[in-house]
Amino acid sequence: MEIKFEKNLETKKKFDVIIIGGGTAGVTAAIASARTGAKTLLVERTGSLGGMMTTGNCGLTCYILHASNVDDQYIVEEMLSDEPGSAQVIGGIPMEITNRLIKKKKAVATEGNAGSYVFTEMAAFKTLLNEMMVNAGVDVLFHTSFIDVATEGSKVKGVVLHNKEGLTLYEAKTFIDTTGDGDVAAAAGAEYFLGIGEYDLVYEEDSSLLGRVGAMGVMFRIGSTDITKVLEYLKHRAAAPRFEVQIMSLQDYDTVVDCIKRQQMTTFVINGFSFGGLQIYNTPDPSVFVLGCPCISGNGIVPEDKSRAELEMSAMIESWMEEIKRVPGFENAVVLDIPEIGVRETRHIIGEHILGLKEILNMHVFEDSIGKGSHLIDISPVPSWLKKDELPDMFEFTMPYRSLIVKGIDNMLVAGRCMSATHEASGTIRVTVQCMVSGEAAGTAAALCSKKGGLTNSVPYEDIKEVLLDNGVIL
């Protein structure tokens, strides 16, 4: 049966910049856009901001050069204490947000600075983002879903939104897609590839992988724990060692114990479970920890897959907890929060440049850099020759502005995990802090473009660069 649906919509409001998606990239895009002088609307389908870094429990990662071995990582941590700027690769709004949380003691950090990880108090983080939206003058539309776009040639004229009021049409000069899945760009007719594409090196090894996407997963919170008891148990398991160094933080057992005592950010792995290793992250509450990361295969833009994953995830975590509670110190643990399933990868929108793995590994410095990153390539599968311990020492990379410009759509930018990058490169740019970096750049650029009519080619990169540098972004 085929049903035809038509409805005439009148424009409800007009803005300079409309951003769809109030998650990790969307919040920095909105703040940057409004601060740069654009009348800005941020549309969010839920009732809170921050996405994976608040309701998703993912924490914030990462701010510093990544070292390849424990000794170098200690050097980096010492640099953080004495001269943070020499080790950190992040500035601008992401660092402003993080430092405000640290100052309020709503985040655990490394000697008062942002390091490999920063984990936060969820409610305080949401409140801070709301406050920053109000202070920047951003119009926020909660509980509102994106439905479709209204186009005129290669230009988007407006977006069709839905909430309790029904269907509404909002117009803007420039649009930013921060939906994660590239929903707005795809609806506007932008080219994209799903998961592993022909641009990926792993595709050259095995063409049958075409279209495969990274697994979905969650980070879940537990409370009523005794971490001192857990660590004491791990210390005396010499015959069957269960403590494992976490590959990003590279903290050994004694360092973890010290960080717990001093309420510094720490993370480690407990192995020996039937499901493999369990990642442990501390939070501002000494009895609350974030655990990860149970994963389920599926395509995040297929409703049946995502629904199945939600059902399977709750059962999986219940099973995990049966084993976790056998570890002394976790015997009284309770699950405090299982977030909505986290989608690592779906659409990669094709931009004017597709960021690739070799550029990441070679630490290529782009002439149109909009910011840096230093995270491991955290996605699967990757080429057989690539191992985490083969990354360059003191690893960092840059992201080009051209990867934010949607090819074929004259007035749209993308930011966050749907930006123009290969499956392999997305393993570095999809993490929270790097999504915030691309969001700030997109918001800044969109605001400047809106003053010139809205087209993304109306403002030269040098003008965008000048504003980013003035705002403390590290390029």
Protein backbone atom coordinates (compact mmCIF):
# COMPACT_ATOMS: atom_id res chain seq x y z
CA MET A 1 0.00 0.00 0.00
CA GLU A 2 1.25 3.48 -0.86
CA ILE A 3 0.12 6.56 1.04
CA LYS A 4 0.86 10.06 -0.20
CA PHE A 5 1.34 12.71 2.46
CA GLU A 6 1.47 16.45 1.74
CA LYS A 7 1.37 19.46 4.00
CA ASN A 8 1.90 23.12 3.29
CA LEU A 9 4.25 24.69 5.83
CA GLU A 10 4.90 28.34 6.45
CA THR A 11 8.25 29.42 7.83
CA LYS A 12 7.98 29.79 11.59
CA LYS A 13 11.32 31.53 12.22
CA LYS A 14 14.47 32.55 10.36
CA PHE A 15 18.02 32.32 11.68
CA ASP A 16 21.51 32.97 10.43
CA VAL A 17 22.69 29.49 11.45
CA ILE A 18 20.71 26.36 12.31
CA ILE A 19 22.49 23.42 13.92
CA ILE A 20 20.77 20.03 14.05
CA GLY A 21 21.97 17.86 16.91
CA GLY A 22 22.80 19.12 20.40
CA GLY A 23 25.36 16.46 21.19
CA THR A 24 29.13 16.60 21.46
CA ALA A 25 29.83 18.59 18.30
CA GLY A 26 26.58 20.51 18.27
CA VAL A 27 27.05 22.28 21.59
CA THR A 28 30.42 23.78 20.67
CA ALA A 29 29.14 24.66 17.20
CA ALA A 30 26.22 26.57 18.72
CA ILE A 31 28.33 28.46 21.27
CA ALA A 32 30.93 29.37 18.63
CA SER A 33 28.30 30.48 16.13
CA ALA A 34 26.47 32.72 18.60
CA ARG A 35 29.67 34.20 20.01
CA THR A 36 30.75 35.04 16.46
CA GLY A 37 27.63 37.14 16.09
CA ALA A 38 25.16 34.86 14.29
CA LYS A 39 21.54 34.41 15.28
CA THR A 40 21.75 30.71 16.09
CA LEU A 41 19.25 27.89 16.61
CA LEU A 42 20.31 24.55 18.11
CA VAL A 43 17.83 21.69 17.62
CA GLU A 44 17.98 18.66 19.94
CA ARG A 45 15.65 15.65 19.91
CA THR A 46 16.03 14.95 23.67
CA GLY A 47 15.71 17.22 26.70
CA SER A 48 19.40 17.72 27.44
CA LEU A 49 22.64 18.71 25.75
CA GLY A 50 26.00 17.02 25.39
CA GLY A 51 25.05 13.68 23.93
CA MET A 52 27.70 11.01 24.43
CA MET A 53 29.77 13.15 26.79
CA THR A 54 26.87 13.67 29.22
CA THR A 55 24.02 11.16 28.91
CA GLY A 56 26.30 8.73 27.06
CA ASN A 57 28.78 8.45 29.99
CA CYS A 58 31.72 8.62 27.60
CA GLY A 59 33.76 11.20 29.43
CA LEU A 60 36.13 13.51 27.60
CA THR A 61 39.14 12.28 25.64
CA CYS A 62 41.79 13.29 24.82
CA TYR A 63 43.70 16.54 25.33
CA ILE A 64 47.38 15.61 25.28
CA LEU A 65 50.01 14.16 22.97
CA HIS A 66 49.73 10.39 23.01
CA ALA A 67 52.89 8.60 24.02
CA SER A 68 53.67 5.09 22.86
CA ASN A 69 55.12 3.77 26.11
CA VAL A 70 54.71 4.19 29.85
CA ASP A 71 57.91 6.18 30.40
CA ASP A 72 57.00 8.79 27.80
CA GLN A 73 53.47 9.05 29.16
CA TYR A 74 54.86 9.86 32.60
CA ILE A 75 56.89 12.64 30.99
CA VAL A 76 53.70 13.99 29.46
CA GLU A 77 51.94 13.91 32.83
CA GLU A 78 54.86 15.80 34.39
CA MET A 79 54.63 18.35 31.61
CA LEU A 80 50.95 18.72 32.42
CA SER A 81 51.76 19.63 35.99
CA ASP A 82 54.48 22.17 35.19
CA GLU A 83 53.55 23.56 31.80
CA PRO A 84 50.21 22.24 30.47
CA GLY A 85 50.40 24.09 27.17
CA SER A 86 53.47 22.18 26.06
CA ALA A 87 51.66 18.83 26.18
CA GLN A 88 48.06 19.71 25.42
CA VAL A 89 46.79 19.78 21.84
CA ILE A 90 43.36 21.24 22.66
CA GLY A 91 42.23 24.82 23.33
CA GLY A 92 39.19 26.95 22.61
CA ILE A 93 35.68 26.10 23.79
CA PRO A 94 36.42 22.42 24.56
CA MET A 95 39.12 23.45 27.02
CA GLU A 96 36.96 26.26 28.42
CA ILE A 97 34.14 23.79 29.17
CA THR A 98 36.54 21.28 30.69
CA ASN A 99 38.35 23.80 32.89
CA ARG A 100 35.05 25.13 34.19
CA LEU A 101 34.00 21.63 35.21
CA ILE A 102 37.37 20.98 36.84
CA LYS A 103 37.21 24.29 38.74
CA LYS A 104 33.73 23.39 40.04
CA LYS A 105 35.13 19.98 41.12
CA LYS A 106 32.59 18.34 38.82
CA ALA A 107 35.31 16.51 36.89
CA VAL A 108 38.33 14.38 37.77
CA ALA A 109 41.51 15.58 36.09
CA THR A 110 45.29 15.12 36.13
CA GLU A 111 46.86 17.49 38.63
CA GLY A 112 44.12 20.00 37.88
CA ASN A 113 44.62 19.75 34.11
CA ALA A 114 42.98 17.88 31.25
CA GLY A 115 45.03 14.84 30.24
CA SER A 116 44.22 11.57 28.53
CA TYR A 117 40.77 11.46 30.11
CA VAL A 118 38.41 13.67 32.08
CA PHE A 119 35.27 12.10 33.55
CA THR A 120 32.49 14.28 34.85
CA GLU A 121 29.37 14.56 36.94
CA MET A 122 26.56 14.21 34.42
CA ALA A 123 24.00 16.61 35.94
CA ALA A 124 26.57 19.37 36.47
CA PHE A 125 27.78 19.01 32.89
CA LYS A 126 24.25 19.37 31.51
CA THR A 127 23.64 22.42 33.69
CA LEU A 128 26.87 24.07 32.56
CA LEU A 129 26.01 23.58 28.88
CA ASN A 130 22.54 25.06 29.43
CA GLU A 131 24.12 28.06 31.14
CA MET A 132 26.60 28.55 28.30
CA MET A 133 23.80 28.46 25.71
CA VAL A 134 21.86 31.14 27.58
CA ASN A 135 24.92 33.33 28.05
CA ALA A 136 25.93 33.01 24.38
CA GLY A 137 22.40 33.85 23.22
CA VAL A 138 21.71 30.53 21.49
CA ASP A 139 18.07 29.63 20.81
CA VAL A 140 17.64 26.00 21.88
CA LEU A 141 14.75 23.84 20.73
CA PHE A 142 14.55 20.68 22.86
CA HIS A 143 12.30 17.66 22.23
CA THR A 144 12.38 18.40 18.52
CA SER A 145 13.25 15.97 15.74
CA PHE A 146 14.65 16.67 12.31
CA ILE A 147 12.33 15.39 9.55
CA ASP A 148 13.45 16.75 6.18
CA VAL A 149 15.01 19.64 4.28
CA ALA A 150 13.58 22.18 1.88
CA THR A 151 16.05 22.78 -0.93
CA GLU A 152 16.44 25.10 -3.88
CA GLY A 153 18.98 23.76 -6.31
CA SER A 154 22.16 22.97 -4.39
CA LYS A 155 21.19 25.16 -1.45
CA VAL A 156 19.19 24.28 1.66
CA LYS A 157 16.48 26.84 2.35
CA GLY A 158 15.02 25.35 5.52
CA VAL A 159 14.55 22.32 7.73
CA VAL A 160 11.30 20.58 8.57
CA LEU A 161 11.13 19.84 12.30
CA HIS A 162 8.66 17.94 14.45
CA ASN A 163 7.64 18.34 18.07
CA LYS A 164 4.41 18.54 20.08
CA GLU A 165 3.41 21.48 17.91
CA GLY A 166 3.50 19.29 14.82
CA LEU A 167 5.54 19.90 11.68
CA THR A 168 7.25 23.27 11.39
CA LEU A 169 9.63 24.92 8.92
CA TYR A 170 12.66 26.94 10.01
CA GLU A 171 14.89 28.83 7.58
CA ALA A 172 18.54 29.82 7.82
CA LYS A 173 21.41 31.07 5.72
CA THR A 174 23.84 28.34 6.78
CA PHE A 175 23.22 24.89 8.26
CA ILE A 176 25.39 22.56 10.31
CA ASP A 177 24.75 18.82 10.56
CA THR A 178 25.92 17.50 13.93
CA THR A 179 23.51 14.56 14.06
CA GLY A 180 26.35 12.02 14.11
CA ASP A 181 24.67 10.03 11.36
CA GLY A 182 24.68 12.83 8.78
CA ASP A 183 20.87 12.83 8.64
CA VAL A 184 20.52 16.41 7.41
CA ALA A 185 23.24 16.23 4.77
CA ALA A 186 21.90 12.92 3.47
CA ALA A 187 18.36 14.31 3.27
CA ALA A 188 19.74 17.26 1.28
CA GLY A 189 21.23 14.88 -1.27
CA ALA A 190 24.85 14.89 -0.12
CA GLU A 191 27.06 12.02 -1.18
CA TYR A 192 28.17 9.64 1.55
CA PHE A 193 29.47 6.15 2.14
CA LEU A 194 28.47 3.82 4.93
CA GLY A 195 31.13 2.41 7.24
CA ILE A 196 34.08 0.99 5.34
CA GLY A 197 34.38 2.60 1.94
CA GLU A 198 36.57 2.28 -1.11
CA TYR A 199 38.80 5.00 0.35
CA ASP A 200 39.82 2.73 3.25
CA LEU A 201 43.06 0.80 3.26
CA VAL A 202 41.39 -2.19 4.91
CA TYR A 203 39.06 -2.35 1.89
CA GLU A 204 42.13 -2.92 -0.28
CA GLU A 205 42.92 -6.00 1.83
CA ASP A 206 39.37 -7.36 1.84
CA SER A 207 36.75 -5.88 -0.49
CA SER A 208 34.01 -7.94 1.19
CA LEU A 209 34.20 -5.50 4.11
CA LEU A 210 32.60 -2.74 2.03
CA GLY A 211 29.82 -1.08 4.03
CA ARG A 212 30.63 -2.71 7.36
CA VAL A 213 30.16 -0.32 10.29
CA GLY A 214 31.79 -0.24 13.72
CA ALA A 215 29.95 -1.97 16.55
CA MET A 216 27.53 -0.14 18.81
CA GLY A 217 28.18 -0.04 22.55
CA VAL A 218 27.66 1.68 25.89
CA MET A 219 29.59 2.96 28.88
CA PHE A 220 27.51 2.25 31.99
CA ARG A 221 27.74 3.65 35.53
CA ILE A 222 27.80 1.66 38.76
CA GLY A 223 27.66 2.82 42.36
CA SER A 224 28.10 1.40 45.89
CA THR A 225 31.63 0.25 45.12
CA ASP A 226 34.74 -0.06 47.29
CA ILE A 227 37.56 0.60 44.86
CA THR A 228 40.25 0.25 47.55
CA LYS A 229 39.08 -3.31 48.15
CA VAL A 230 39.06 -3.96 44.39
CA LEU A 231 42.65 -2.78 44.02
CA GLU A 232 43.80 -4.76 47.06
CA TYR A 233 42.29 -7.88 45.48
CA LEU A 234 44.08 -7.18 42.18
CA LYS A 235 47.38 -6.64 44.00
CA HIS A 236 47.31 -10.16 45.44
CA ARG A 237 46.45 -11.95 42.21
CA ALA A 238 50.08 -12.54 41.24
CA ALA A 239 49.42 -16.19 40.34
CA ALA A 240 46.64 -15.16 37.95
CA PRO A 241 47.15 -11.44 37.27
CA ARG A 242 43.96 -9.58 36.45
CA PHE A 243 45.19 -5.98 36.44
CA GLU A 244 46.01 -4.60 33.01
CA VAL A 245 47.34 -1.22 31.91
CA GLN A 246 44.80 0.78 29.88
CA ILE A 247 46.35 1.68 26.53
CA MET A 248 45.44 5.40 26.52
CA SER A 249 46.38 6.35 30.08
CA LEU A 250 49.31 3.90 30.41
CA GLN A 251 49.10 3.97 34.22
CA ASP A 252 50.63 1.05 36.10
CA TYR A 253 49.14 -0.43 39.26
CA ASP A 254 50.95 1.85 41.72
CA THR A 255 49.98 4.94 39.74
CA VAL A 256 46.32 3.89 39.71
CA VAL A 257 46.38 3.37 43.49
CA ASP A 258 47.96 6.78 43.98
CA CYS A 259 45.44 8.49 41.69
CA ILE A 260 42.54 6.92 43.55
CA LYS A 261 43.94 8.12 46.89
CA ARG A 262 44.40 11.67 45.58
CA GLN A 263 41.15 11.71 43.54
CA GLN A 264 42.99 12.15 40.27
CA MET A 265 41.72 10.83 36.94
CA THR A 266 42.62 7.20 36.44
CA THR A 267 41.61 4.23 34.36
CA PHE A 268 42.67 0.60 34.15
CA VAL A 269 41.44 -2.78 32.94
CA ILE A 270 40.42 -5.89 34.86
CA ASN A 271 40.82 -8.98 32.70
CA GLY A 272 39.84 -12.59 33.25
CA PHE A 273 36.11 -12.24 32.68
CA SER A 274 34.30 -14.52 30.26
CA PHE A 275 33.57 -11.42 28.14
CA GLY A 276 37.20 -10.25 28.15
CA GLY A 277 38.58 -7.12 29.76
CA LEU A 278 36.54 -4.60 31.76
CA GLN A 279 37.55 -0.94 31.49
CA ILE A 280 37.26 1.04 34.75
CA TYR A 281 37.05 4.86 34.87
CA ASN A 282 36.69 6.93 38.03
CA THR A 283 34.35 9.90 38.47
CA PRO A 284 34.05 12.84 40.90
CA ASP A 285 32.05 10.54 43.23
CA PRO A 286 34.55 8.08 44.83
CA SER A 287 31.92 5.32 44.88
CA VAL A 288 30.75 5.74 41.27
CA PHE A 289 32.64 4.31 38.30
CA VAL A 290 32.04 4.11 34.57
CA LEU A 291 32.54 0.68 33.04
CA GLY A 292 32.98 -0.33 29.44
CA CYS A 293 32.51 -1.40 26.93
CA PRO A 294 29.92 -4.03 25.96
CA CYS A 295 29.40 -4.01 22.19
CA ILE A 296 26.76 -5.28 19.79
CA SER A 297 26.98 -5.42 16.01
CA GLY A 298 24.42 -3.65 13.89
CA ASN A 299 23.73 -0.61 11.74
CA GLY A 300 22.78 2.45 13.76
CA ILE A 301 20.59 3.92 11.02
CA VAL A 302 18.50 0.77 10.69
CA PRO A 303 15.71 1.10 13.30
CA GLU A 304 15.34 -2.66 13.71
CA ASP A 305 19.07 -3.07 14.35
CA LYS A 306 19.20 -0.28 16.90
CA SER A 307 16.07 -1.52 18.67
CA ARG A 308 17.44 -5.05 18.85
CA ALA A 309 20.71 -3.68 20.22
CA GLU A 310 18.90 -1.85 23.02
CA LEU A 311 17.15 -5.06 24.09
CA GLU A 312 20.30 -7.18 23.86
CA MET A 313 22.38 -4.58 25.69
CA SER A 314 20.26 -4.60 28.83
CA ALA A 315 20.49 -8.40 29.00
CA MET A 316 24.24 -8.27 28.31
CA ILE A 317 24.92 -5.83 31.14
CA GLU A 318 22.86 -7.94 33.54
CA SER A 319 25.04 -10.90 32.61
CA TRP A 320 28.22 -8.86 32.96
CA MET A 321 27.18 -7.66 36.41
CA GLU A 322 26.83 -11.23 37.65
CA GLU A 323 30.55 -11.70 37.01
CA ILE A 324 31.61 -8.20 38.05
CA LYS A 325 29.99 -8.61 41.47
CA ARG A 326 32.25 -11.61 42.15
CA VAL A 327 35.23 -9.24 42.33
CA PRO A 328 35.79 -8.15 45.96
CA GLY A 329 34.81 -4.49 46.28
CA PHE A 330 32.17 -4.80 43.59
CA GLU A 331 29.97 -7.30 45.46
CA ASN A 332 27.48 -4.58 46.46
CA ALA A 333 27.67 -2.66 43.18
CA VAL A 334 24.45 -1.42 41.62
CA VAL A 335 23.90 -0.23 38.06
CA LEU A 336 23.04 3.47 38.15
CA ASP A 337 22.67 4.18 34.46
CA ILE A 338 22.59 2.36 31.13
CA PRO A 339 22.48 5.04 28.43
CA GLU A 340 20.93 4.87 25.01
CA ILE A 341 23.04 2.61 22.79
CA GLY A 342 26.05 4.46 21.43
CA VAL A 343 26.57 4.39 17.67
CA ARG A 344 30.20 4.57 16.62
CA GLU A 345 29.80 4.77 12.88
CA THR A 346 27.23 5.07 10.12
CA ARG A 347 27.36 7.64 7.29
CA HIS A 348 30.57 9.39 6.34
CA ILE A 349 29.49 12.52 4.46
CA ILE A 350 31.75 13.29 1.51
CA GLY A 351 33.29 16.73 1.78
CA GLU A 352 35.82 18.69 -0.20
CA HIS A 353 38.49 16.50 1.41
CA ILE A 354 38.20 12.98 2.81
CA LEU A 355 40.54 12.66 5.78
CA GLY A 356 42.45 9.38 5.51
CA LEU A 357 44.43 7.02 7.71
CA LYS A 358 47.84 7.74 6.14
CA GLU A 359 47.41 11.47 6.77
CA ILE A 360 46.61 10.68 10.41
CA LEU A 361 49.57 8.32 10.90
CA ASN A 362 51.98 10.67 9.09
CA MET A 363 50.78 13.50 11.37
CA HIS A 364 50.20 15.60 8.26
CA VAL A 365 49.83 19.30 9.03
CA PHE A 366 47.00 20.68 6.87
CA GLU A 367 47.23 24.25 5.64
CA ASP A 368 43.55 24.65 6.52
CA SER A 369 43.75 22.98 9.94
CA ILE A 370 40.81 23.66 12.27
CA GLY A 371 42.27 21.84 15.27
CA LYS A 372 44.15 18.82 16.52
CA GLY A 373 43.59 15.38 17.95
CA SER A 374 45.74 12.65 19.47
CA HIS A 375 43.46 9.68 20.08
CA LEU A 376 44.26 6.15 19.05
CA ILE A 377 42.57 4.72 15.97
CA ASP A 378 39.71 3.20 17.93
CA ILE A 379 37.61 1.43 15.31
CA SER A 380 37.45 -2.06 13.86
CA PRO A 381 38.47 -3.52 11.49
CA VAL A 382 41.69 -1.78 10.45
CA PRO A 383 44.51 -2.91 8.12
CA SER A 384 46.38 -5.98 9.35
CA TRP A 385 49.67 -4.07 9.48
CA LEU A 386 48.30 -1.45 11.87
CA LYS A 387 48.82 -2.05 15.56
CA LYS A 388 48.26 0.42 18.39
CA ASP A 389 51.91 0.15 19.42
CA GLU A 390 53.01 1.17 15.92
CA LEU A 391 51.71 4.72 16.25
CA PRO A 392 54.28 7.51 16.07
CA ASP A 393 55.67 8.53 19.45
CA MET A 394 54.14 11.74 20.86
CA PHE A 395 51.30 11.27 18.40
CA GLU A 396 49.06 14.12 17.21
CA PHE A 397 47.24 15.03 14.01
CA THR A 398 45.36 17.92 12.41
CA MET A 399 41.91 18.08 10.81
CA PRO A 400 41.26 20.12 7.63
CA TYR A 401 38.45 22.64 7.23
CA ARG A 402 37.67 21.09 3.84
CA SER A 403 36.45 17.95 5.65
CA LEU A 404 33.66 20.03 7.19
CA ILE A 405 32.40 21.42 3.86
CA VAL A 406 29.68 19.24 2.36
CA LYS A 407 30.43 18.55 -1.28
CA GLY A 408 27.56 19.61 -3.54
CA ILE A 409 25.57 21.47 -0.86
CA ASP A 410 26.44 25.15 -1.03
CA ASN A 411 25.47 26.24 2.49
CA MET A 412 26.05 23.24 4.76
CA LEU A 413 28.84 22.10 7.04
CA VAL A 414 29.20 18.87 9.00
CA ALA A 415 30.99 18.28 12.30
CA GLY A 416 31.49 15.37 14.66
CA ARG A 417 31.67 11.74 13.64
CA CYS A 418 29.85 12.23 10.30
CA MET A 419 32.48 14.65 8.97
CA SER A 420 34.33 13.72 5.80
CA ALA A 421 36.74 11.00 6.86
CA THR A 422 37.35 7.35 6.08
CA HIS A 423 36.23 4.53 8.35
CA GLU A 424 39.80 4.21 9.64
CA ALA A 425 40.34 7.93 10.21
CA SER A 426 36.96 8.17 11.94
CA GLY A 427 38.46 6.07 14.72
CA THR A 428 40.41 9.17 15.78
CA ILE A 429 37.96 12.01 15.07
CA ARG A 430 34.75 10.44 16.45
CA VAL A 431 35.82 10.71 20.11
CA THR A 432 34.33 13.42 22.33
CA VAL A 433 37.00 16.11 22.44
CA GLN A 434 37.79 15.89 18.74
CA CYS A 435 34.06 16.16 17.98
CA MET A 436 33.99 19.33 20.08
CA VAL A 437 36.96 20.69 18.12
CA SER A 438 35.29 20.15 14.75
CA GLY A 439 32.06 21.59 16.17
CA GLU A 440 33.70 24.83 17.25
CA ALA A 441 35.30 25.24 13.82
CA ALA A 442 32.01 24.56 12.02
CA GLY A 443 30.12 27.01 14.23
CA THR A 444 32.71 29.72 13.73
CA ALA A 445 32.80 29.22 9.97
CA ALA A 446 29.00 29.08 9.64
CA ALA A 447 28.59 32.35 11.52
CA LEU A 448 31.13 34.11 9.31
CA CYS A 449 29.56 32.64 6.16
CA SER A 450 26.07 33.74 7.24
CA LYS A 451 27.27 37.35 7.26
CA LYS A 452 28.23 36.94 3.59
CA GLY A 453 24.99 35.33 2.41
CA GLY A 454 25.46 31.86 3.85
CA LEU A 455 27.50 30.01 1.24
CA THR A 456 30.41 28.02 2.64
CA ASN A 457 32.77 29.29 -0.08
CA SER A 458 32.02 32.92 0.76
CA VAL A 459 34.64 33.22 3.51
CA PRO A 460 38.32 32.37 3.00
CA TYR A 461 39.96 29.97 5.44
CA GLU A 462 42.35 32.68 6.64
CA ASP A 463 39.41 34.64 8.07
CA ILE A 464 38.16 31.56 9.90
CA LYS A 465 41.67 30.80 11.14
CA GLU A 466 42.01 34.30 12.57
CA VAL A 467 38.86 33.94 14.67
CA LEU A 468 39.79 30.43 15.84
CA LEU A 469 43.23 31.60 16.96
CA ASP A 470 41.74 34.61 18.74
CA ASN A 471 39.50 32.20 20.62
CA GLY A 472 42.41 30.06 21.80
CA VAL A 473 42.06 27.13 19.39
CA ILE A 474 45.31 25.19 18.87
CA LEU A 475 45.74 24.68 15.13
